[in-house]
Amino acid sequence: MKIYINGQFIEEKDAKISIFDHGMLYGYGIFENIRAYNGRVFRLKEHLDRLWASAKAINLTIPVMQIDIEKAIIETLLVNKLSDGYVKLIITRGSDSNIELDNKEQYTIAPSSIIIITSTISSLLYSEGIYEKGIDIITASVRRTKQDSLSPNIKSLNYLNNILAKNEAIRYRVMEAIMLNAEGYVVGCSKANIFILKNDILYTPSGSEGALVGITRDTVIELAKNKLKIPVKEERISIYNIYNADECFLTSTTSEIVPVVYADSRKIANGKPDKITIRLMKEFRNLTRLTGIPIK
């Protein structure tokens, strides 16, 4: 694959940025994960709107317009001959030979770096059997960073909090780890949002509780309300609620909708993906393959 870096396409083996880039030194940067389906980029505007919101929140200037990034993403997919795939868009703060954190000139250093990486999606998706059988998850001991420290809606390059939770899941040989906020309520998983169904109502943690307001999450809410005519509530969810749910599933850009059948070794309902989760999976897959900005 060729990597887009600041307007140029570079072979993977030669793609690099400066060791003085503040994205590498301090995690001063942002990113978005984006999907292309059937020759279209799904919900690209929503991803770019969130990218710009993240940039504003951390006082990061993106040196181009949204339409320029949109064109660069399309061009990168075309160059790599991908009609179905994965896009990682990264904006770093840029380089400065002075590595001090409190450098008084840090806001006049070189323009932000713009990096676009594309790849096939097969290596990132779970196997089809996982979607048919569901996954096990655990509750991580590491808590989500408090909202008054850093908003979870900033997709920053500093992802250590989530990585530590994911590492716990790996140690317990499960697919994902639930993350709690400082008050002990569920906010999501290490790299996914979470939903539960109880008494024909779909619940998901709210952004005010520390959940990332995900693009796939919002799409699922729309589908549940408009296609399945199921009420959706964004409110506090406890681990107790997860254990006693009628259905549970995770959502993310890369893995789409993934059924959860065990949480902390407790079987959820009948221990199988159930009808609402299955219907939402079908509706989501139909939507992604019919809508989006054409790759041309």
Protein backbone atom coordinates (compact mmCIF):
# COMPACT_ATOMS: atom_id res chain seq x y z
CA MET A 1 0.00 0.00 0.00
CA LYS A 2 1.04 3.59 -0.60
CA ILE A 3 0.74 5.99 2.34
CA TYR A 4 -0.41 9.59 1.93
CA ILE A 5 1.83 12.00 3.87
CA ASN A 6 1.38 15.73 3.39
CA GLY A 7 0.25 15.53 -0.23
CA GLN A 8 2.62 12.79 -1.38
CA PHE A 9 2.18 9.05 -1.85
CA ILE A 10 5.00 7.04 -0.31
CA GLU A 11 5.68 3.32 -0.28
CA GLU A 12 4.96 1.66 3.07
CA LYS A 13 8.59 0.81 3.73
CA ASP A 14 9.64 4.43 3.17
CA ALA A 15 6.76 6.14 5.00
CA LYS A 16 8.00 8.08 8.02
CA ILE A 17 7.66 11.33 9.95
CA SER A 18 10.18 13.25 12.04
CA ILE A 19 11.14 11.89 15.46
CA PHE A 20 10.56 15.48 16.66
CA ASP A 21 6.91 15.45 15.63
CA HIS A 22 4.82 16.34 18.69
CA GLY A 23 2.40 13.57 17.75
CA MET A 24 5.15 11.05 18.43
CA LEU A 25 6.75 12.87 21.38
CA TYR A 26 3.59 13.71 23.32
CA GLY A 27 0.62 12.13 21.57
CA TYR A 28 -0.35 15.62 20.39
CA GLY A 29 -2.58 14.69 17.50
CA ILE A 30 -5.91 13.20 16.49
CA PHE A 31 -7.24 10.42 14.27
CA GLU A 32 -10.32 8.89 12.68
CA ASN A 33 -11.00 5.32 11.57
CA ILE A 34 -13.17 5.26 8.44
CA ARG A 35 -14.65 2.48 6.30
CA ALA A 36 -15.18 2.10 2.58
CA TYR A 37 -17.85 -0.29 1.35
CA ASN A 38 -18.67 -1.32 -2.19
CA GLY A 39 -16.95 1.69 -3.76
CA ARG A 40 -18.28 4.26 -1.26
CA VAL A 41 -16.86 5.88 1.88
CA PHE A 42 -19.40 5.53 4.67
CA ARG A 43 -20.37 8.63 6.68
CA LEU A 44 -17.23 10.52 5.69
CA LYS A 45 -18.69 13.93 6.51
CA GLU A 46 -19.55 12.79 10.05
CA HIS A 47 -16.02 11.48 10.56
CA LEU A 48 -14.47 14.72 9.30
CA ASP A 49 -16.82 16.85 11.40
CA ARG A 50 -15.69 14.88 14.47
CA LEU A 51 -12.05 15.25 13.42
CA TRP A 52 -12.41 19.03 13.24
CA ALA A 53 -14.19 19.06 16.61
CA SER A 54 -11.33 17.06 18.16
CA ALA A 55 -8.81 19.48 16.64
CA LYS A 56 -10.62 22.49 18.03
CA ALA A 57 -10.79 20.94 21.49
CA ILE A 58 -7.01 20.50 21.67
CA ASN A 59 -6.14 23.77 19.89
CA LEU A 60 -4.75 21.96 16.84
CA THR A 61 -4.90 23.72 13.49
CA ILE A 62 -5.63 21.49 10.50
CA PRO A 63 -3.84 23.30 7.64
CA VAL A 64 -6.36 22.39 4.91
CA MET A 65 -10.11 22.46 4.36
CA GLN A 66 -12.42 19.49 4.93
CA ILE A 67 -12.98 19.11 1.19
CA ASP A 68 -9.19 18.73 0.72
CA ILE A 69 -9.07 15.87 3.24
CA GLU A 70 -12.10 14.28 1.60
CA LYS A 71 -10.38 14.38 -1.81
CA ALA A 72 -7.14 13.02 -0.33
CA ILE A 73 -8.96 10.05 1.22
CA ILE A 74 -10.68 9.24 -2.07
CA GLU A 75 -7.41 9.59 -3.96
CA THR A 76 -5.58 7.33 -1.49
CA LEU A 77 -8.21 4.63 -1.91
CA LEU A 78 -7.98 4.95 -5.69
CA VAL A 79 -4.18 4.80 -5.71
CA ASN A 80 -4.34 1.62 -3.62
CA LYS A 81 -7.19 0.19 -5.73
CA LEU A 82 -9.49 -0.31 -2.76
CA SER A 83 -13.26 -0.24 -3.09
CA ASP A 84 -13.75 -2.01 0.25
CA GLY A 85 -11.31 -1.19 2.98
CA TYR A 86 -10.16 0.68 6.03
CA VAL A 87 -8.86 4.23 6.29
CA LYS A 88 -6.89 5.64 9.22
CA LEU A 89 -6.63 9.42 9.03
CA ILE A 90 -4.05 11.00 11.36
CA ILE A 91 -3.28 14.65 12.02
CA THR A 92 -0.22 15.36 14.18
CA ARG A 93 0.93 18.65 15.65
CA GLY A 94 4.06 18.80 13.49
CA SER A 95 7.82 18.92 14.09
CA ASP A 96 10.10 21.13 16.13
CA SER A 97 13.78 20.55 16.89
CA ASN A 98 13.10 21.77 20.45
CA ILE A 99 11.61 18.79 22.32
CA GLU A 100 10.55 20.70 25.42
CA LEU A 101 6.90 20.37 26.36
CA ASP A 102 6.69 24.03 27.35
CA ASN A 103 8.46 25.37 24.26
CA LYS A 104 7.17 28.92 23.85
CA GLU A 105 7.39 28.56 20.08
CA GLN A 106 5.34 25.36 19.87
CA TYR A 107 2.40 27.13 18.25
CA THR A 108 4.57 28.43 15.41
CA ILE A 109 6.28 25.17 14.49
CA ALA A 110 5.89 23.42 11.14
CA PRO A 111 2.31 22.79 9.96
CA SER A 112 0.51 19.71 11.19
CA SER A 113 1.29 16.44 9.43
CA ILE A 114 -1.56 14.80 7.52
CA ILE A 115 -1.28 11.02 7.17
CA ILE A 116 -3.72 8.65 5.46
CA ILE A 117 -3.22 4.90 5.73
CA THR A 118 -5.48 2.48 3.87
CA SER A 119 -5.67 -1.28 3.98
CA THR A 120 -7.95 -4.19 3.32
CA ILE A 121 -10.45 -4.74 6.11
CA SER A 122 -10.24 -8.54 6.40
CA SER A 123 -7.40 -8.44 8.93
CA LEU A 124 -9.38 -6.10 11.21
CA LEU A 125 -12.79 -7.77 11.11
CA TYR A 126 -13.75 -10.66 13.33
CA SER A 127 -14.38 -13.93 11.50
CA GLU A 128 -17.94 -14.54 10.35
CA GLY A 129 -18.27 -17.23 13.00
CA ILE A 130 -17.79 -14.60 15.70
CA TYR A 131 -20.77 -12.62 14.41
CA GLU A 132 -22.86 -15.80 14.37
CA LYS A 133 -21.86 -17.03 17.85
CA GLY A 134 -21.06 -13.80 19.72
CA ILE A 135 -18.13 -12.91 21.97
CA ASP A 136 -17.12 -12.97 25.63
CA ILE A 137 -16.05 -9.77 27.39
CA ILE A 138 -14.68 -8.85 30.80
CA THR A 139 -14.74 -5.73 32.95
CA ALA A 140 -11.37 -3.99 32.92
CA SER A 141 -9.81 -2.82 36.17
CA VAL A 142 -8.49 0.34 34.46
CA ARG A 143 -11.07 3.16 34.43
CA ARG A 144 -11.81 5.55 31.58
CA THR A 145 -10.04 8.90 31.90
CA LYS A 146 -12.33 11.37 33.66
CA GLN A 147 -14.24 13.79 31.47
CA ASP A 148 -12.90 16.78 33.37
CA SER A 149 -9.37 15.63 32.52
CA LEU A 150 -9.82 14.77 28.84
CA SER A 151 -13.06 14.37 26.91
CA PRO A 152 -13.50 10.85 25.50
CA ASN A 153 -14.88 12.47 22.35
CA ILE A 154 -11.41 13.74 21.47
CA LYS A 155 -9.94 10.99 19.29
CA SER A 156 -6.41 11.75 20.40
CA LEU A 157 -3.23 9.86 19.58
CA ASN A 158 -2.76 9.14 23.29
CA TYR A 159 -4.72 5.89 23.52
CA LEU A 160 -2.87 4.34 26.46
CA ASN A 161 -5.98 4.25 28.66
CA ASN A 162 -7.79 2.07 26.11
CA ILE A 163 -4.73 -0.02 25.34
CA LEU A 164 -4.36 -1.02 28.99
CA ALA A 165 -8.00 -2.16 29.04
CA LYS A 166 -7.53 -4.10 25.79
CA ASN A 167 -4.42 -5.76 27.23
CA GLU A 168 -6.52 -7.04 30.13
CA ALA A 169 -8.94 -8.62 27.67
CA ILE A 170 -6.04 -10.29 25.89
CA ARG A 171 -4.69 -11.66 29.17
CA TYR A 172 -8.09 -13.18 29.95
CA ARG A 173 -8.33 -14.52 26.39
CA VAL A 174 -11.51 -12.66 25.51
CA MET A 175 -12.25 -10.24 22.68
CA GLU A 176 -13.03 -7.02 24.56
CA ALA A 177 -13.06 -5.28 27.94
CA ILE A 178 -15.80 -3.11 29.40
CA MET A 179 -14.55 0.23 30.71
CA LEU A 180 -16.15 2.03 33.65
CA ASN A 181 -16.05 5.71 34.51
CA ALA A 182 -14.82 7.03 37.87
CA GLU A 183 -18.29 6.49 39.38
CA GLY A 184 -18.37 2.85 38.32
CA TYR A 185 -20.84 3.12 35.44
CA VAL A 186 -20.28 1.52 32.03
CA VAL A 187 -19.04 3.88 29.31
CA GLY A 188 -18.13 1.41 26.59
CA CYS A 189 -15.29 -0.96 25.76
CA SER A 190 -11.63 -0.45 24.91
CA LYS A 191 -12.43 0.30 21.27
CA ALA A 192 -16.20 0.01 20.96
CA ASN A 193 -19.49 1.42 22.16
CA ILE A 194 -21.89 -0.88 24.00
CA PHE A 195 -25.66 -1.41 23.81
CA ILE A 196 -28.08 -3.56 25.79
CA LEU A 197 -31.69 -4.50 25.12
CA LYS A 198 -34.03 -4.83 28.09
CA ASN A 199 -37.82 -5.20 27.88
CA ASP A 200 -37.82 -4.10 24.22
CA ILE A 201 -35.91 -0.86 24.92
CA LEU A 202 -32.38 -0.29 23.65
CA TYR A 203 -29.98 1.37 26.10
CA THR A 204 -26.51 2.83 25.61
CA PRO A 205 -24.31 5.02 27.84
CA SER A 206 -24.54 8.74 27.15
CA GLY A 207 -21.72 11.05 26.18
CA SER A 208 -22.14 12.85 29.50
CA GLU A 209 -21.20 9.60 31.28
CA GLY A 210 -17.96 9.37 29.33
CA ALA A 211 -19.00 7.34 26.28
CA LEU A 212 -17.54 8.18 22.91
CA VAL A 213 -20.28 9.47 20.63
CA GLY A 214 -19.35 7.02 17.88
CA ILE A 215 -20.37 7.21 14.23
CA THR A 216 -21.49 3.56 14.16
CA ARG A 217 -23.22 4.09 17.52
CA ASP A 218 -25.25 6.98 16.10
CA THR A 219 -26.08 4.95 12.98
CA VAL A 220 -27.38 2.08 15.11
CA ILE A 221 -29.54 4.47 17.13
CA GLU A 222 -31.04 5.81 13.89
CA LEU A 223 -31.70 2.30 12.55
CA ALA A 224 -33.27 1.14 15.81
CA LYS A 225 -35.63 4.12 15.91
CA ASN A 226 -36.48 4.41 12.21
CA LYS A 227 -36.28 0.85 10.88
CA LEU A 228 -37.04 -1.36 13.87
CA LYS A 229 -39.27 1.17 15.68
CA ILE A 230 -37.51 0.41 18.97
CA PRO A 231 -37.15 3.15 21.59
CA VAL A 232 -33.56 4.06 22.47
CA LYS A 233 -32.46 5.60 25.76
CA GLU A 234 -29.04 7.12 26.47
CA GLU A 235 -28.52 6.82 30.19
CA ARG A 236 -26.46 5.27 32.95
CA ILE A 237 -25.76 1.56 32.64
CA SER A 238 -24.21 -0.56 35.38
CA ILE A 239 -22.43 -3.91 35.16
CA TYR A 240 -25.55 -5.37 36.78
CA ASN A 241 -27.56 -4.14 33.77
CA ILE A 242 -25.12 -5.84 31.40
CA TYR A 243 -25.39 -9.18 33.23
CA ASN A 244 -29.19 -9.06 33.18
CA ALA A 245 -29.72 -7.76 29.65
CA ASP A 246 -31.96 -9.52 27.15
CA GLU A 247 -29.36 -8.80 24.47
CA CYS A 248 -25.99 -7.04 24.32
CA PHE A 249 -23.77 -5.94 21.46
CA LEU A 250 -20.80 -3.70 20.67
CA THR A 251 -20.39 -1.20 17.83
CA SER A 252 -17.35 0.29 16.13
CA THR A 253 -16.24 1.46 12.70
CA THR A 254 -13.90 -1.47 12.14
CA SER A 255 -15.97 -4.35 13.57
CA GLU A 256 -19.48 -2.95 12.91
CA ILE A 257 -22.02 -4.69 15.25
CA VAL A 258 -20.73 -7.58 17.37
CA PRO A 259 -23.03 -9.66 19.62
CA VAL A 260 -21.93 -10.20 23.23
CA VAL A 261 -23.05 -13.46 24.85
CA TYR A 262 -20.95 -13.62 28.04
CA ALA A 263 -19.77 -10.84 30.37
CA ASP A 264 -17.39 -11.68 33.24
CA SER A 265 -18.30 -15.36 32.78
CA ARG A 266 -22.04 -14.62 33.15
CA LYS A 267 -24.22 -15.84 30.32
CA ILE A 268 -26.32 -13.03 28.84
CA ALA A 269 -29.90 -14.26 28.33
CA ASN A 270 -29.76 -17.48 26.28
CA GLY A 271 -26.06 -17.09 25.45
CA LYS A 272 -26.69 -16.55 21.72
CA PRO A 273 -27.08 -13.53 19.42
CA ASP A 274 -30.80 -12.75 19.48
CA LYS A 275 -33.32 -11.28 17.06
CA ILE A 276 -32.85 -7.51 17.61
CA THR A 277 -29.06 -7.72 17.38
CA ILE A 278 -29.33 -9.87 14.25
CA ARG A 279 -31.83 -7.48 12.63
CA LEU A 280 -29.62 -4.48 13.39
CA MET A 281 -26.60 -6.25 11.93
CA LYS A 282 -28.54 -6.89 8.73
CA GLU A 283 -29.89 -3.33 8.49
CA PHE A 284 -26.45 -1.86 9.15
CA ARG A 285 -24.79 -3.98 6.47
CA ASN A 286 -27.48 -3.04 3.97
CA LEU A 287 -27.04 0.65 4.74
CA THR A 288 -23.25 0.68 4.50
CA ARG A 289 -23.26 -0.95 1.10
CA LEU A 290 -25.77 1.48 -0.41
CA THR A 291 -24.76 4.89 0.96
CA GLY A 292 -21.66 7.03 1.12
CA ILE A 293 -19.39 9.22 -0.99
CA PRO A 294 -18.39 7.42 -4.23
CA ILE A 295 -14.75 6.49 -4.73
CA LYS A 296 -14.12 7.89 -8.20
